[in-house]
Amino acid sequence: MENPGLRTLISFLNQVKRQAPVNFSGLARGRRRGYGMVNRYLRYCMGKDLIIIVSERRTRGRYPSKTYALSERGSKLLAIFDEEKEETAVRGPRPH
C-alpha cells in the first residue's frame, strides 16, 4: 500500500492506542471502514513497525485471531505529533 496520508495514519494509530489491545473487527467497527481498507492500514503499519501483534490464538475460523497494539516506534511517532499539536495551539499557526 502506498502511504495512507499523514492525517489518516495518525488517526489510525490513535485508534489503535485508544482501543489496545484491539482485534481486526474492532478496528473495522471503530473506523467505519470495510475490512479491505483496515487490512491495508494494518499491513502498512506493521511493515513500518508502527503496530505489533500482541497475541494470536486459534479460533473456529480459517485464520487465527490476532490482537494489535502500538509498538514503541508507533508511540514515539504519536508523541511527536501530539507535541507539535500542543505547540501549535500555544503559539498559533506558523506564518507562510
PDB file of N, CA and C in Angstrom:
ATOM      1  N   MET A   1       0.839  -1.179   0.000  1.00  0.00           N
ATOM      2  CA  MET A   1       0.000   0.000   0.000  1.00  0.00           C
ATOM      3  C   MET A   1       0.879   1.235   0.000  1.00  0.00           C
ATOM      4  N   GLU A   2       0.459   2.215  -0.734  1.00  0.00           N
ATOM      5  CA  GLU A   2       1.155   3.492  -0.683  1.00  0.00           C
ATOM      6  C   GLU A   2       0.861   4.139   0.666  1.00  0.00           C
ATOM      7  N   ASN A   3       1.602   5.175   0.962  1.00  0.00           N
ATOM      8  CA  ASN A   3       1.396   5.900   2.204  1.00  0.00           C
ATOM      9  C   ASN A   3      -0.068   6.330   2.298  1.00  0.00           C
ATOM     10  N   PRO A   4      -0.759   6.008   3.393  1.00  0.00           N
ATOM     11  CA  PRO A   4      -2.179   6.334   3.500  1.00  0.00           C
ATOM     12  C   PRO A   4      -2.456   7.819   3.725  1.00  0.00           C
ATOM     13  N   GLY A   5      -1.464   8.633   3.870  1.00  0.00           N
ATOM     14  CA  GLY A   5      -1.668  10.045   4.172  1.00  0.00           C
ATOM     15  C   GLY A   5      -1.427  10.265   5.654  1.00  0.00           C
ATOM     16  N   LEU A   6      -0.820  11.364   5.977  1.00  0.00           N
ATOM     17  CA  LEU A   6      -0.397  11.607   7.353  1.00  0.00           C
ATOM     18  C   LEU A   6      -1.569  11.674   8.325  1.00  0.00           C
ATOM     19  N   ARG A   7      -2.610  12.404   7.980  1.00  0.00           N
ATOM     20  CA  ARG A   7      -3.754  12.520   8.896  1.00  0.00           C
ATOM     21  C   ARG A   7      -4.424  11.174   9.128  1.00  0.00           C
ATOM     22  N   THR A   8      -4.580  10.413   8.063  1.00  0.00           N
ATOM     23  CA  THR A   8      -5.191   9.091   8.182  1.00  0.00           C
ATOM     24  C   THR A   8      -4.325   8.176   9.033  1.00  0.00           C
ATOM     25  N   LEU A   9      -3.028   8.213   8.809  1.00  0.00           N
ATOM     26  CA  LEU A   9      -2.106   7.378   9.574  1.00  0.00           C
ATOM     27  C   LEU A   9      -2.160   7.722  11.059  1.00  0.00           C
ATOM     28  N   ILE A  10      -2.101   8.999  11.390  1.00  0.00           N
ATOM     29  CA  ILE A  10      -2.143   9.432  12.790  1.00  0.00           C
ATOM     30  C   ILE A  10      -3.480   9.050  13.418  1.00  0.00           C
ATOM     31  N   SER A  11      -4.561   9.223  12.676  1.00  0.00           N
ATOM     32  CA  SER A  11      -5.885   8.850  13.172  1.00  0.00           C
ATOM     33  C   SER A  11      -5.970   7.351  13.454  1.00  0.00           C
ATOM     34  N   PHE A  12      -5.449   6.546  12.551  1.00  0.00           N
ATOM     35  CA  PHE A  12      -5.464   5.091  12.717  1.00  0.00           C
ATOM     36  C   PHE A  12      -4.624   4.681  13.926  1.00  0.00           C
ATOM     37  N   LEU A  13      -3.447   5.259  14.064  1.00  0.00           N
ATOM     38  CA  LEU A  13      -2.582   4.933  15.205  1.00  0.00           C
ATOM     39  C   LEU A  13      -3.225   5.355  16.524  1.00  0.00           C
ATOM     40  N   ASN A  14      -3.899   6.503  16.535  1.00  0.00           N
ATOM     41  CA  ASN A  14      -4.600   6.938  17.747  1.00  0.00           C
ATOM     42  C   ASN A  14      -5.717   5.972  18.116  1.00  0.00           C
ATOM     43  N   GLN A  15      -6.412   5.458  17.102  1.00  0.00           N
ATOM     44  CA  GLN A  15      -7.467   4.487  17.372  1.00  0.00           C
ATOM     45  C   GLN A  15      -6.886   3.217  17.986  1.00  0.00           C
ATOM     46  N   VAL A  16      -5.789   2.730  17.437  1.00  0.00           N
ATOM     47  CA  VAL A  16      -5.144   1.534  17.989  1.00  0.00           C
ATOM     48  C   VAL A  16      -4.718   1.806  19.431  1.00  0.00           C
ATOM     49  N   LYS A  17      -4.183   2.983  19.684  1.00  0.00           N
ATOM     50  CA  LYS A  17      -3.742   3.336  21.039  1.00  0.00           C
ATOM     51  C   LYS A  17      -4.926   3.353  22.013  1.00  0.00           C
ATOM     52  N   ARG A  18      -6.039   3.966  21.606  1.00  0.00           N
ATOM     53  CA  ARG A  18      -7.220   4.056  22.469  1.00  0.00           C
ATOM     54  C   ARG A  18      -7.827   2.693  22.772  1.00  0.00           C
ATOM     55  N   GLN A  19      -7.867   1.818  21.769  1.00  0.00           N
ATOM     56  CA  GLN A  19      -8.568   0.549  21.915  1.00  0.00           C
ATOM     57  C   GLN A  19      -7.664  -0.629  22.278  1.00  0.00           C
ATOM     58  N   ALA A  20      -6.374  -0.417  22.355  1.00  0.00           N
ATOM     59  CA  ALA A  20      -5.421  -1.524  22.545  1.00  0.00           C
ATOM     60  C   ALA A  20      -5.706  -2.290  23.823  1.00  0.00           C
ATOM     61  N   PRO A  21      -5.556  -3.592  23.805  1.00  0.00           N
ATOM     62  CA  PRO A  21      -5.331  -4.423  22.625  1.00  0.00           C
ATOM     63  C   PRO A  21      -6.636  -4.587  21.851  1.00  0.00           C
ATOM     64  N   VAL A  22      -6.574  -4.444  20.547  1.00  0.00           N
ATOM     65  CA  VAL A  22      -7.772  -4.468  19.704  1.00  0.00           C
ATOM     66  C   VAL A  22      -7.602  -5.494  18.592  1.00  0.00           C
ATOM     67  N   ASN A  23      -8.698  -6.144  18.241  1.00  0.00           N
ATOM     68  CA  ASN A  23      -8.629  -7.105  17.145  1.00  0.00           C
ATOM     69  C   ASN A  23      -9.069  -6.441  15.834  1.00  0.00           C
ATOM     70  N   PHE A  24      -8.991  -7.187  14.771  1.00  0.00           N
ATOM     71  CA  PHE A  24      -9.286  -6.679  13.435  1.00  0.00           C
ATOM     72  C   PHE A  24     -10.717  -6.144  13.335  1.00  0.00           C
ATOM     73  N   SER A  25     -11.671  -6.901  13.852  1.00  0.00           N
ATOM     74  CA  SER A  25     -13.073  -6.479  13.778  1.00  0.00           C
ATOM     75  C   SER A  25     -13.306  -5.192  14.561  1.00  0.00           C
ATOM     76  N   GLY A  26     -12.655  -5.063  15.699  1.00  0.00           N
ATOM     77  CA  GLY A  26     -12.776  -3.839  16.489  1.00  0.00           C
ATOM     78  C   GLY A  26     -12.255  -2.629  15.742  1.00  0.00           C
ATOM     79  N   LEU A  27     -11.162  -2.805  15.021  1.00  0.00           N
ATOM     80  CA  LEU A  27     -10.627  -1.707  14.215  1.00  0.00           C
ATOM     81  C   LEU A  27     -11.579  -1.337  13.090  1.00  0.00           C
ATOM     82  N   ALA A  28     -12.157  -2.334  12.442  1.00  0.00           N
ATOM     83  CA  ALA A  28     -13.081  -2.071  11.334  1.00  0.00           C
ATOM     84  C   ALA A  28     -14.324  -1.340  11.834  1.00  0.00           C
ATOM     85  N   ARG A  29     -14.855  -1.752  12.976  1.00  0.00           N
ATOM     86  CA  ARG A  29     -16.032  -1.070  13.534  1.00  0.00           C
ATOM     87  C   ARG A  29     -15.688   0.355  13.936  1.00  0.00           C
ATOM     88  N   GLY A  30     -14.555   0.531  14.576  1.00  0.00           N
ATOM     89  CA  GLY A  30     -14.149   1.857  15.047  1.00  0.00           C
ATOM     90  C   GLY A  30     -13.861   2.829  13.920  1.00  0.00           C
ATOM     91  N   ARG A  31     -13.345   2.342  12.803  1.00  0.00           N
ATOM     92  CA  ARG A  31     -13.024   3.202  11.662  1.00  0.00           C
ATOM     93  C   ARG A  31     -14.205   3.373  10.733  1.00  0.00           C
ATOM     94  N   ARG A  32     -15.223   2.539  10.911  1.00  0.00           N
ATOM     95  CA  ARG A  32     -16.364   2.526   9.992  1.00  0.00           C
ATOM     96  C   ARG A  32     -15.884   2.332   8.557  1.00  0.00           C
ATOM     97  N   ARG A  33     -14.975   1.405   8.411  1.00  0.00           N
ATOM     98  CA  ARG A  33     -14.383   1.089   7.107  1.00  0.00           C
ATOM     99  C   ARG A  33     -14.576  -0.392   6.828  1.00  0.00           C
ATOM    100  N   GLY A  34     -14.462  -0.738   5.565  1.00  0.00           N
ATOM    101  CA  GLY A  34     -14.518  -2.134   5.181  1.00  0.00           C
ATOM    102  C   GLY A  34     -13.258  -2.857   5.612  1.00  0.00           C
ATOM    103  N   TYR A  35     -13.352  -4.167   5.658  1.00  0.00           N
ATOM    104  CA  TYR A  35     -12.222  -4.977   6.075  1.00  0.00           C
ATOM    105  C   TYR A  35     -11.011  -4.786   5.165  1.00  0.00           C
ATOM    106  N   GLY A  36     -11.244  -4.582   3.878  1.00  0.00           N
ATOM    107  CA  GLY A  36     -10.128  -4.410   2.944  1.00  0.00           C
ATOM    108  C   GLY A  36      -9.280  -3.200   3.283  1.00  0.00           C
ATOM    109  N   MET A  37      -9.932  -2.086   3.606  1.00  0.00           N
ATOM    110  CA  MET A  37      -9.206  -0.857   3.932  1.00  0.00           C
ATOM    111  C   MET A  37      -8.450  -1.015   5.247  1.00  0.00           C
ATOM    112  N   VAL A  38      -9.083  -1.597   6.245  1.00  0.00           N
ATOM    113  CA  VAL A  38      -8.418  -1.803   7.537  1.00  0.00           C
ATOM    114  C   VAL A  38      -7.236  -2.752   7.367  1.00  0.00           C
ATOM    115  N   ASN A  39      -7.399  -3.763   6.538  1.00  0.00           N
ATOM    116  CA  ASN A  39      -6.309  -4.698   6.276  1.00  0.00           C
ATOM    117  C   ASN A  39      -5.119  -3.970   5.651  1.00  0.00           C
ATOM    118  N   ARG A  40      -5.386  -3.047   4.739  1.00  0.00           N
ATOM    119  CA  ARG A  40      -4.288  -2.281   4.123  1.00  0.00           C
ATOM    120  C   ARG A  40      -3.598  -1.389   5.143  1.00  0.00           C
ATOM    121  N   TYR A  41      -4.372  -0.737   6.012  1.00  0.00           N
ATOM    122  CA  TYR A  41      -3.774   0.087   7.070  1.00  0.00           C
ATOM    123  C   TYR A  41      -2.881  -0.768   7.962  1.00  0.00           C
ATOM    124  N   LEU A  42      -3.401  -1.928   8.370  1.00  0.00           N
ATOM    125  CA  LEU A  42      -2.630  -2.811   9.252  1.00  0.00           C
ATOM    126  C   LEU A  42      -1.334  -3.271   8.597  1.00  0.00           C
ATOM    127  N   ARG A  43      -1.423  -3.717   7.365  1.00  0.00           N
ATOM    128  CA  ARG A  43      -0.218  -4.193   6.674  1.00  0.00           C
ATOM    129  C   ARG A  43       0.808  -3.075   6.547  1.00  0.00           C
ATOM    130  N   TYR A  44       0.351  -1.875   6.217  1.00  0.00           N
ATOM    131  CA  TYR A  44       1.276  -0.748   6.088  1.00  0.00           C
ATOM    132  C   TYR A  44       1.951  -0.460   7.428  1.00  0.00           C
ATOM    133  N   CYS A  45       1.148  -0.345   8.475  1.00  0.00           N
ATOM    134  CA  CYS A  45       1.686  -0.009   9.802  1.00  0.00           C
ATOM    135  C   CYS A  45       2.590  -1.107  10.352  1.00  0.00           C
ATOM    136  N   MET A  46       2.251  -2.347  10.105  1.00  0.00           N
ATOM    137  CA  MET A  46       3.104  -3.436  10.574  1.00  0.00           C
ATOM    138  C   MET A  46       4.395  -3.484   9.767  1.00  0.00           C
ATOM    139  N   GLY A  47       4.319  -3.163   8.490  1.00  0.00           N
ATOM    140  CA  GLY A  47       5.517  -3.121   7.656  1.00  0.00           C
ATOM    141  C   GLY A  47       6.475  -2.020   8.075  1.00  0.00           C
ATOM    142  N   LYS A  48       5.935  -0.939   8.634  1.00  0.00           N
ATOM    143  CA  LYS A  48       6.758   0.180   9.114  1.00  0.00           C
ATOM    144  C   LYS A  48       7.063   0.063  10.600  1.00  0.00           C
ATOM    145  N   ASP A  49       6.689  -1.054  11.222  1.00  0.00           N
ATOM    146  CA  ASP A  49       6.924  -1.321  12.643  1.00  0.00           C
ATOM    147  C   ASP A  49       6.256  -0.280  13.542  1.00  0.00           C
ATOM    148  N   LEU A  50       5.029   0.117  13.186  1.00  0.00           N
ATOM    149  CA  LEU A  50       4.271   1.062  13.999  1.00  0.00           C
ATOM    150  C   LEU A  50       3.253   0.343  14.883  1.00  0.00           C
ATOM    151  N   ILE A  51       2.866  -0.863  14.461  1.00  0.00           N
ATOM    152  CA  ILE A  51       1.898  -1.680  15.187  1.00  0.00           C
ATOM    153  C   ILE A  51       2.484  -3.082  15.333  1.00  0.00           C
ATOM    154  N   ILE A  52       2.226  -3.693  16.482  1.00  0.00           N
ATOM    155  CA  ILE A  52       2.705  -5.064  16.711  1.00  0.00           C
ATOM    156  C   ILE A  52       1.525  -5.977  17.034  1.00  0.00           C
ATOM    157  N   ILE A  53       1.734  -7.265  16.846  1.00  0.00           N
ATOM    158  CA  ILE A  53       0.749  -8.268  17.240  1.00  0.00           C
ATOM    159  C   ILE A  53       1.031  -8.616  18.699  1.00  0.00           C
ATOM    160  N   VAL A  54       0.026  -8.406  19.543  1.00  0.00           N
ATOM    161  CA  VAL A  54       0.170  -8.665  20.974  1.00  0.00           C
ATOM    162  C   VAL A  54      -0.106 -10.130  21.280  1.00  0.00           C
ATOM    163  N   SER A  55      -1.140 -10.672  20.660  1.00  0.00           N
ATOM    164  CA  SER A  55      -1.462 -12.083  20.877  1.00  0.00           C
ATOM    165  C   SER A  55      -2.086 -12.668  19.619  1.00  0.00           C
ATOM    166  N   GLU A  56      -1.991 -13.965  19.531  1.00  0.00           N
ATOM    167  CA  GLU A  56      -2.548 -14.691  18.395  1.00  0.00           C
ATOM    168  C   GLU A  56      -3.088 -16.004  18.929  1.00  0.00           C
ATOM    169  N   ARG A  57      -4.349 -16.296  18.621  1.00  0.00           N
ATOM    170  CA  ARG A  57      -4.925 -17.548  19.113  1.00  0.00           C
ATOM    171  C   ARG A  57      -5.797 -18.180  18.037  1.00  0.00           C
ATOM    172  N   ARG A  58      -5.848 -19.470  18.094  1.00  0.00           N
ATOM    173  CA  ARG A  58      -6.650 -20.235  17.143  1.00  0.00           C
ATOM    174  C   ARG A  58      -8.121 -20.164  17.541  1.00  0.00           C
ATOM    175  N   THR A  59      -8.971 -19.917  16.565  1.00  0.00           N
ATOM    176  CA  THR A  59     -10.415 -19.916  16.784  1.00  0.00           C
ATOM    177  C   THR A  59     -11.046 -20.874  15.783  1.00  0.00           C
ATOM    178  N   ARG A  60     -12.353 -20.835  15.691  1.00  0.00           N
ATOM    179  CA  ARG A  60     -13.037 -21.742  14.768  1.00  0.00           C
ATOM    180  C   ARG A  60     -12.796 -21.374  13.312  1.00  0.00           C
ATOM    181  N   GLY A  61     -12.442 -20.153  13.058  1.00  0.00           N
ATOM    182  CA  GLY A  61     -12.278 -19.685  11.688  1.00  0.00           C
ATOM    183  C   GLY A  61     -11.017 -20.195  11.011  1.00  0.00           C
ATOM    184  N   ARG A  62     -10.873 -19.774   9.784  1.00  0.00           N
ATOM    185  CA  ARG A  62      -9.744 -20.198   8.954  1.00  0.00           C
ATOM    186  C   ARG A  62      -8.422 -19.598   9.424  1.00  0.00           C
ATOM    187  N   TYR A  63      -8.486 -18.345   9.874  1.00  0.00           N
ATOM    188  CA  TYR A  63      -7.275 -17.633  10.279  1.00  0.00           C
ATOM    189  C   TYR A  63      -7.261 -17.428  11.791  1.00  0.00           C
ATOM    190  N   PRO A  64      -6.085 -17.335  12.379  1.00  0.00           N
ATOM    191  CA  PRO A  64      -6.019 -17.092  13.828  1.00  0.00           C
ATOM    192  C   PRO A  64      -6.493 -15.678  14.169  1.00  0.00           C
ATOM    193  N   SER A  65      -7.025 -15.525  15.354  1.00  0.00           N
ATOM    194  CA  SER A  65      -7.462 -14.222  15.842  1.00  0.00           C
ATOM    195  C   SER A  65      -6.251 -13.506  16.442  1.00  0.00           C
ATOM    196  N   LYS A  66      -6.005 -12.287  15.991  1.00  0.00           N
ATOM    197  CA  LYS A  66      -4.846 -11.518  16.462  1.00  0.00           C
ATOM    198  C   LYS A  66      -5.326 -10.240  17.137  1.00  0.00           C
ATOM    199  N   THR A  67      -4.589  -9.825  18.147  1.00  0.00           N
ATOM    200  CA  THR A  67      -4.847  -8.525  18.756  1.00  0.00           C
ATOM    201  C   THR A  67      -3.614  -7.659  18.552  1.00  0.00           C
ATOM    202  N   TYR A  68      -3.862  -6.378  18.364  1.00  0.00           N
ATOM    203  CA  TYR A  68      -2.815  -5.436  17.989  1.00  0.00           C
ATOM    204  C   TYR A  68      -2.684  -4.316  19.012  1.00  0.00           C
ATOM    205  N   ALA A  69      -1.489  -3.735  19.053  1.00  0.00           N
ATOM    206  CA  ALA A  69      -1.207  -2.572  19.891  1.00  0.00           C
ATOM    207  C   ALA A  69      -0.109  -1.760  19.210  1.00  0.00           C
ATOM    208  N   LEU A  70       0.085  -0.550  19.682  1.00  0.00           N
ATOM    209  CA  LEU A  70       1.161   0.285  19.145  1.00  0.00           C
ATOM    210  C   LEU A  70       2.513  -0.272  19.552  1.00  0.00           C
ATOM    211  N   SER A  71       3.451  -0.179  18.663  1.00  0.00           N
ATOM    212  CA  SER A  71       4.825  -0.533  19.009  1.00  0.00           C
ATOM    213  C   SER A  71       5.471   0.693  19.653  1.00  0.00           C
ATOM    214  N   GLU A  72       6.671   0.523  20.130  1.00  0.00           N
ATOM    215  CA  GLU A  72       7.400   1.659  20.706  1.00  0.00           C
ATOM    216  C   GLU A  72       7.588   2.748  19.653  1.00  0.00           C
ATOM    217  N   ARG A  73       7.890   2.323  18.443  1.00  0.00           N
ATOM    218  CA  ARG A  73       8.090   3.283  17.348  1.00  0.00           C
ATOM    219  C   ARG A  73       6.790   4.042  17.037  1.00  0.00           C
ATOM    220  N   GLY A  74       5.657   3.339  17.046  1.00  0.00           N
ATOM    221  CA  GLY A  74       4.367   3.984  16.814  1.00  0.00           C
ATOM    222  C   GLY A  74       4.037   4.977  17.914  1.00  0.00           C
ATOM    223  N   SER A  75       4.346   4.616  19.152  1.00  0.00           N
ATOM    224  CA  SER A  75       4.108   5.523  20.282  1.00  0.00           C
ATOM    225  C   SER A  75       4.960   6.781  20.169  1.00  0.00           C
ATOM    226  N   LYS A  76       6.210   6.617  19.750  1.00  0.00           N
ATOM    227  CA  LYS A  76       7.091   7.773  19.581  1.00  0.00           C
ATOM    228  C   LYS A  76       6.573   8.697  18.483  1.00  0.00           C
ATOM    229  N   LEU A  77       6.097   8.115  17.387  1.00  0.00           N
ATOM    230  CA  LEU A  77       5.560   8.924  16.293  1.00  0.00           C
ATOM    231  C   LEU A  77       4.358   9.734  16.760  1.00  0.00           C
ATOM    232  N   LEU A  78       3.448   9.102  17.503  1.00  0.00           N
ATOM    233  CA  LEU A  78       2.293   9.831  18.023  1.00  0.00           C
ATOM    234  C   LEU A  78       2.717  10.924  18.996  1.00  0.00           C
ATOM    235  N   ALA A  79       3.712  10.653  19.822  1.00  0.00           N
ATOM    236  CA  ALA A  79       4.189  11.650  20.786  1.00  0.00           C
ATOM    237  C   ALA A  79       4.729  12.882  20.068  1.00  0.00           C
ATOM    238  N   ILE A  80       5.429  12.672  18.968  1.00  0.00           N
ATOM    239  CA  ILE A  80       5.959  13.799  18.191  1.00  0.00           C
ATOM    240  C   ILE A  80       4.815  14.663  17.674  1.00  0.00           C
ATOM    241  N   PHE A  81       3.782  14.043  17.136  1.00  0.00           N
ATOM    242  CA  PHE A  81       2.671  14.815  16.586  1.00  0.00           C
ATOM    243  C   PHE A  81       1.820  15.448  17.671  1.00  0.00           C
ATOM    244  N   ASP A  82       1.675  14.787  18.819  1.00  0.00           N
ATOM    245  CA  ASP A  82       0.948  15.392  19.935  1.00  0.00           C
ATOM    246  C   ASP A  82       1.691  16.618  20.449  1.00  0.00           C
ATOM    247  N   GLU A  83       3.007  16.515  20.542  1.00  0.00           N
ATOM    248  CA  GLU A  83       3.833  17.638  20.989  1.00  0.00           C
ATOM    249  C   GLU A  83       3.714  18.808  20.014  1.00  0.00           C
ATOM    250  N   GLU A  84       3.767  18.524  18.732  1.00  0.00           N
ATOM    251  CA  GLU A  84       3.652  19.569  17.714  1.00  0.00           C
ATOM    252  C   GLU A  84       2.274  20.220  17.763  1.00  0.00           C
ATOM    253  N   LYS A  85       1.243  19.418  17.997  1.00  0.00           N
ATOM    254  CA  LYS A  85      -0.115  19.950  18.076  1.00  0.00           C
ATOM    255  C   LYS A  85      -0.250  20.895  19.270  1.00  0.00           C
ATOM    256  N   GLU A  86       0.350  20.523  20.403  1.00  0.00           N
ATOM    257  CA  GLU A  86       0.307  21.381  21.590  1.00  0.00           C
ATOM    258  C   GLU A  86       1.050  22.689  21.354  1.00  0.00           C
ATOM    259  N   GLU A  87       2.222  22.613  20.733  1.00  0.00           N
ATOM    260  CA  GLU A  87       2.995  23.823  20.448  1.00  0.00           C
ATOM    261  C   GLU A  87       2.241  24.739  19.496  1.00  0.00           C
ATOM    262  N   THR A  88       1.590  24.175  18.512  1.00  0.00           N
ATOM    263  CA  THR A  88       0.830  24.969  17.548  1.00  0.00           C
ATOM    264  C   THR A  88      -0.344  25.645  18.235  1.00  0.00           C
ATOM    265  N   ALA A  89      -0.988  24.960  19.173  1.00  0.00           N
ATOM    266  CA  ALA A  89      -2.115  25.540  19.890  1.00  0.00           C
ATOM    267  C   ALA A  89      -1.664  26.716  20.752  1.00  0.00           C
ATOM    268  N   VAL A  90      -0.461  26.643  21.310  1.00  0.00           N
ATOM    269  CA  VAL A  90       0.051  27.705  22.177  1.00  0.00           C
ATOM    270  C   VAL A  90       0.491  28.915  21.366  1.00  0.00           C
ATOM    271  N   ARG A  91       1.266  28.696  20.315  1.00  0.00           N
ATOM    272  CA  ARG A  91       1.836  29.826  19.575  1.00  0.00           C
ATOM    273  C   ARG A  91       1.039  30.213  18.342  1.00  0.00           C
ATOM    274  N   GLY A  92       0.105  29.401  17.943  1.00  0.00           N
ATOM    275  CA  GLY A  92      -0.662  29.663  16.731  1.00  0.00           C
ATOM    276  C   GLY A  92       0.034  29.079  15.522  1.00  0.00           C
ATOM    277  N   PRO A  93      -0.642  29.089  14.387  1.00  0.00           N
ATOM    278  CA  PRO A  93      -0.048  28.506  13.181  1.00  0.00           C
ATOM    279  C   PRO A  93       1.173  29.286  12.716  1.00  0.00           C
ATOM    280  N   ARG A  94       2.061  28.582  12.050  1.00  0.00           N
ATOM    281  CA  ARG A  94       3.267  29.222  11.520  1.00  0.00           C
ATOM    282  C   ARG A  94       2.922  30.129  10.347  1.00  0.00           C
ATOM    283  N   PRO A  95       3.580  31.286  10.264  1.00  0.00           N
ATOM    284  CA  PRO A  95       3.339  32.157   9.103  1.00  0.00           C
ATOM    285  C   PRO A  95       3.962  31.544   7.853  1.00  0.00           C
ATOM    286  N   HIS A  96       3.370  31.812   6.728  1.00  0.00           N
ATOM    287  CA  HIS A  96       3.881  31.249   5.466  1.00  0.00           C
ATOM    288  C   HIS A  96       4.878  32.152   4.822  1.00  0.00           C
TER     289      HIS A  96
END
